[in-house]
Amino acid sequence: MGNVAFRSGSKIRWNEEKNNFDNSSANNLIIPKYNNGWSLPSL
């Protein structure tokens, strides 16, 4: 969370009900971006 706050440049708070941050730029940092069409399989 410290790295996400530092990289987003703002204070962040975790929303336990939604399992994400209250800041959209911080949420973009916790979602991995895969290259060349690769993705993790979903269960």
PDB file of N, CA and C in Angstrom:
ATOM      1  N   MET A   1       0.814  -1.166   0.000  1.00  0.00           N
ATOM      2  CA  MET A   1       0.000   0.000   0.000  1.00  0.00           C
ATOM      3  C   MET A   1       0.870   1.246   0.000  1.00  0.00           C
ATOM      4  N   GLY A   2       2.026   1.159   0.639  1.00  0.00           N
ATOM      5  CA  GLY A   2       2.924   2.310   0.643  1.00  0.00           C
ATOM      6  C   GLY A   2       3.413   2.645  -0.744  1.00  0.00           C
ATOM      7  N   ASN A   3       3.770   1.627  -1.518  1.00  0.00           N
ATOM      8  CA  ASN A   3       4.224   1.857  -2.892  1.00  0.00           C
ATOM      9  C   ASN A   3       3.109   2.412  -3.763  1.00  0.00           C
ATOM     10  N   VAL A   4       1.904   1.912  -3.587  1.00  0.00           N
ATOM     11  CA  VAL A   4       0.766   2.406  -4.372  1.00  0.00           C
ATOM     12  C   VAL A   4       0.491   3.863  -4.026  1.00  0.00           C
ATOM     13  N   ALA A   5       0.536   4.209  -2.748  1.00  0.00           N
ATOM     14  CA  ALA A   5       0.318   5.595  -2.334  1.00  0.00           C
ATOM     15  C   ALA A   5       1.404   6.504  -2.888  1.00  0.00           C
ATOM     16  N   PHE A   6       2.651   6.034  -2.843  1.00  0.00           N
ATOM     17  CA  PHE A   6       3.758   6.840  -3.361  1.00  0.00           C
ATOM     18  C   PHE A   6       3.626   7.049  -4.865  1.00  0.00           C
ATOM     19  N   ARG A   7       3.321   5.979  -5.593  1.00  0.00           N
ATOM     20  CA  ARG A   7       3.233   6.075  -7.054  1.00  0.00           C
ATOM     21  C   ARG A   7       2.013   6.859  -7.516  1.00  0.00           C
ATOM     22  N   SER A   8       0.926   6.807  -6.745  1.00  0.00           N
ATOM     23  CA  SER A   8      -0.263   7.568  -7.138  1.00  0.00           C
ATOM     24  C   SER A   8      -0.152   9.028  -6.719  1.00  0.00           C
ATOM     25  N   GLY A   9       0.715   9.317  -5.747  1.00  0.00           N
ATOM     26  CA  GLY A   9       0.935  10.695  -5.327  1.00  0.00           C
ATOM     27  C   GLY A   9      -0.156  11.259  -4.438  1.00  0.00           C
ATOM     28  N   SER A  10      -0.927  10.393  -3.798  1.00  0.00           N
ATOM     29  CA  SER A  10      -2.001  10.884  -2.926  1.00  0.00           C
ATOM     30  C   SER A  10      -2.248   9.898  -1.792  1.00  0.00           C
ATOM     31  N   LYS A  11      -3.011  10.344  -0.790  1.00  0.00           N
ATOM     32  CA  LYS A  11      -3.414   9.447   0.285  1.00  0.00           C
ATOM     33  C   LYS A  11      -4.452   8.478  -0.254  1.00  0.00           C
ATOM     34  N   ILE A  12      -4.382   7.252   0.215  1.00  0.00           N
ATOM     35  CA  ILE A  12      -5.338   6.242  -0.240  1.00  0.00           C
ATOM     36  C   ILE A  12      -5.970   5.569   0.971  1.00  0.00           C
ATOM     37  N   ARG A  13      -7.155   5.057   0.771  1.00  0.00           N
ATOM     38  CA  ARG A  13      -7.851   4.286   1.796  1.00  0.00           C
ATOM     39  C   ARG A  13      -8.390   3.025   1.141  1.00  0.00           C
ATOM     40  N   TRP A  14      -8.296   1.904   1.852  1.00  0.00           N
ATOM     41  CA  TRP A  14      -8.752   0.622   1.347  1.00  0.00           C
ATOM     42  C   TRP A  14     -10.227   0.428   1.687  1.00  0.00           C
ATOM     43  N   ASN A  15     -11.030   0.057   0.704  1.00  0.00           N
ATOM     44  CA  ASN A  15     -12.442  -0.237   0.900  1.00  0.00           C
ATOM     45  C   ASN A  15     -12.589  -1.756   0.992  1.00  0.00           C
ATOM     46  N   GLU A  16     -12.858  -2.272   2.190  1.00  0.00           N
ATOM     47  CA  GLU A  16     -12.941  -3.715   2.400  1.00  0.00           C
ATOM     48  C   GLU A  16     -14.132  -4.346   1.692  1.00  0.00           C
ATOM     49  N   GLU A  17     -15.213  -3.625   1.551  1.00  0.00           N
ATOM     50  CA  GLU A  17     -16.395  -4.185   0.893  1.00  0.00           C
ATOM     51  C   GLU A  17     -16.173  -4.385  -0.602  1.00  0.00           C
ATOM     52  N   LYS A  18     -15.514  -3.416  -1.237  1.00  0.00           N
ATOM     53  CA  LYS A  18     -15.275  -3.483  -2.683  1.00  0.00           C
ATOM     54  C   LYS A  18     -13.920  -4.078  -3.030  1.00  0.00           C
ATOM     55  N   ASN A  19     -13.043  -4.272  -2.041  1.00  0.00           N
ATOM     56  CA  ASN A  19     -11.682  -4.782  -2.244  1.00  0.00           C
ATOM     57  C   ASN A  19     -10.890  -3.936  -3.233  1.00  0.00           C
ATOM     58  N   ASN A  20     -10.950  -2.616  -3.058  1.00  0.00           N
ATOM     59  CA  ASN A  20     -10.153  -1.714  -3.862  1.00  0.00           C
ATOM     60  C   ASN A  20      -9.914  -0.427  -3.086  1.00  0.00           C
ATOM     61  N   PHE A  21      -9.194   0.500  -3.699  1.00  0.00           N
ATOM     62  CA  PHE A  21      -8.900   1.775  -3.069  1.00  0.00           C
ATOM     63  C   PHE A  21      -9.977   2.795  -3.408  1.00  0.00           C
ATOM     64  N   ASP A  22      -9.985   3.896  -2.681  1.00  0.00           N
ATOM     65  CA  ASP A  22     -10.940   4.968  -2.950  1.00  0.00           C
ATOM     66  C   ASP A  22     -10.465   5.896  -4.065  1.00  0.00           C
ATOM     67  N   ASN A  23      -9.334   5.590  -4.668  1.00  0.00           N
ATOM     68  CA  ASN A  23      -8.712   6.429  -5.679  1.00  0.00           C
ATOM     69  C   ASN A  23      -8.567   5.608  -6.960  1.00  0.00           C
ATOM     70  N   SER A  24      -9.091   6.093  -8.082  1.00  0.00           N
ATOM     71  CA  SER A  24      -9.053   5.318  -9.323  1.00  0.00           C
ATOM     72  C   SER A  24      -7.636   5.142  -9.863  1.00  0.00           C
ATOM     73  N   SER A  25      -6.762   6.137  -9.670  1.00  0.00           N
ATOM     74  CA  SER A  25      -5.383   5.978 -10.146  1.00  0.00           C
ATOM     75  C   SER A  25      -4.651   4.928  -9.317  1.00  0.00           C
ATOM     76  N   ALA A  26      -4.981   4.802  -8.033  1.00  0.00           N
ATOM     77  CA  ALA A  26      -4.386   3.760  -7.196  1.00  0.00           C
ATOM     78  C   ALA A  26      -4.916   2.386  -7.594  1.00  0.00           C
ATOM     79  N   ASN A  27      -6.182   2.294  -7.952  1.00  0.00           N
ATOM     80  CA  ASN A  27      -6.746   1.023  -8.396  1.00  0.00           C
ATOM     81  C   ASN A  27      -6.089   0.537  -9.677  1.00  0.00           C
ATOM     82  N   ASN A  28      -5.719   1.449 -10.557  1.00  0.00           N
ATOM     83  CA  ASN A  28      -5.043   1.059 -11.795  1.00  0.00           C
ATOM     84  C   ASN A  28      -3.677   0.452 -11.526  1.00  0.00           C
ATOM     85  N   LEU A  29      -3.066   0.788 -10.407  1.00  0.00           N
ATOM     86  CA  LEU A  29      -1.738   0.261 -10.086  1.00  0.00           C
ATOM     87  C   LEU A  29      -1.786  -1.150  -9.504  1.00  0.00           C
ATOM     88  N   ILE A  30      -2.932  -1.602  -9.004  1.00  0.00           N
ATOM     89  CA  ILE A  30      -3.006  -2.946  -8.435  1.00  0.00           C
ATOM     90  C   ILE A  30      -3.498  -3.981  -9.441  1.00  0.00           C
ATOM     91  N   ILE A  31      -3.906  -3.532 -10.628  1.00  0.00           N
ATOM     92  CA  ILE A  31      -4.346  -4.442 -11.685  1.00  0.00           C
ATOM     93  C   ILE A  31      -3.172  -4.667 -12.630  1.00  0.00           C
ATOM     94  N   PRO A  32      -2.693  -5.923 -12.766  1.00  0.00           N
ATOM     95  CA  PRO A  32      -1.540  -6.160 -13.626  1.00  0.00           C
ATOM     96  C   PRO A  32      -1.884  -5.941 -15.101  1.00  0.00           C
ATOM     97  N   LYS A  33      -0.914  -5.432 -15.836  1.00  0.00           N
ATOM     98  CA  LYS A  33      -1.060  -5.246 -17.286  1.00  0.00           C
ATOM     99  C   LYS A  33      -0.087  -6.203 -17.976  1.00  0.00           C
ATOM    100  N   TYR A  34      -0.623  -7.138 -18.732  1.00  0.00           N
ATOM    101  CA  TYR A  34       0.189  -8.145 -19.397  1.00  0.00           C
ATOM    102  C   TYR A  34       0.480  -7.717 -20.828  1.00  0.00           C
ATOM    103  N   ASN A  35       1.640  -8.099 -21.319  1.00  0.00           N
ATOM    104  CA  ASN A  35       2.074  -7.747 -22.667  1.00  0.00           C
ATOM    105  C   ASN A  35       1.804  -8.888 -23.647  1.00  0.00           C
ATOM    106  N   ASN A  36       1.686  -8.545 -24.903  1.00  0.00           N
ATOM    107  CA  ASN A  36       1.547  -9.495 -26.011  1.00  0.00           C
ATOM    108  C   ASN A  36       0.340 -10.420 -25.873  1.00  0.00           C
ATOM    109  N   GLY A  37      -0.729  -9.926 -25.272  1.00  0.00           N
ATOM    110  CA  GLY A  37      -1.946 -10.718 -25.194  1.00  0.00           C
ATOM    111  C   GLY A  37      -1.971 -11.763 -24.088  1.00  0.00           C
ATOM    112  N   TRP A  38      -0.949 -11.824 -23.264  1.00  0.00           N
ATOM    113  CA  TRP A  38      -0.918 -12.807 -22.185  1.00  0.00           C
ATOM    114  C   TRP A  38      -1.872 -12.407 -21.079  1.00  0.00           C
ATOM    115  N   SER A  39      -2.469 -13.366 -20.425  1.00  0.00           N
ATOM    116  CA  SER A  39      -3.325 -13.112 -19.282  1.00  0.00           C
ATOM    117  C   SER A  39      -3.349 -14.344 -18.397  1.00  0.00           C
ATOM    118  N   LEU A  40      -3.683 -14.152 -17.153  1.00  0.00           N
ATOM    119  CA  LEU A  40      -3.848 -15.279 -16.245  1.00  0.00           C
ATOM    120  C   LEU A  40      -5.191 -15.943 -16.502  1.00  0.00           C
ATOM    121  N   PRO A  41      -5.243 -17.262 -16.461  1.00  0.00           N
ATOM    122  CA  PRO A  41      -6.544 -17.918 -16.666  1.00  0.00           C
ATOM    123  C   PRO A  41      -7.457 -17.641 -15.483  1.00  0.00           C
ATOM    124  N   SER A  42      -8.732 -17.468 -15.763  1.00  0.00           N
ATOM    125  CA  SER A  42      -9.692 -17.245 -14.679  1.00  0.00           C
ATOM    126  C   SER A  42     -10.285 -18.580 -14.258  1.00  0.00           C
ATOM    127  N   LEU A  43     -10.594 -18.668 -13.012  1.00  0.00           N
ATOM    128  CA  LEU A  43     -11.149 -19.915 -12.477  1.00  0.00           C
ATOM    129  C   LEU A  43     -12.652 -19.870 -12.419  1.00  0.00           C
TER     130      LEU A  43
END
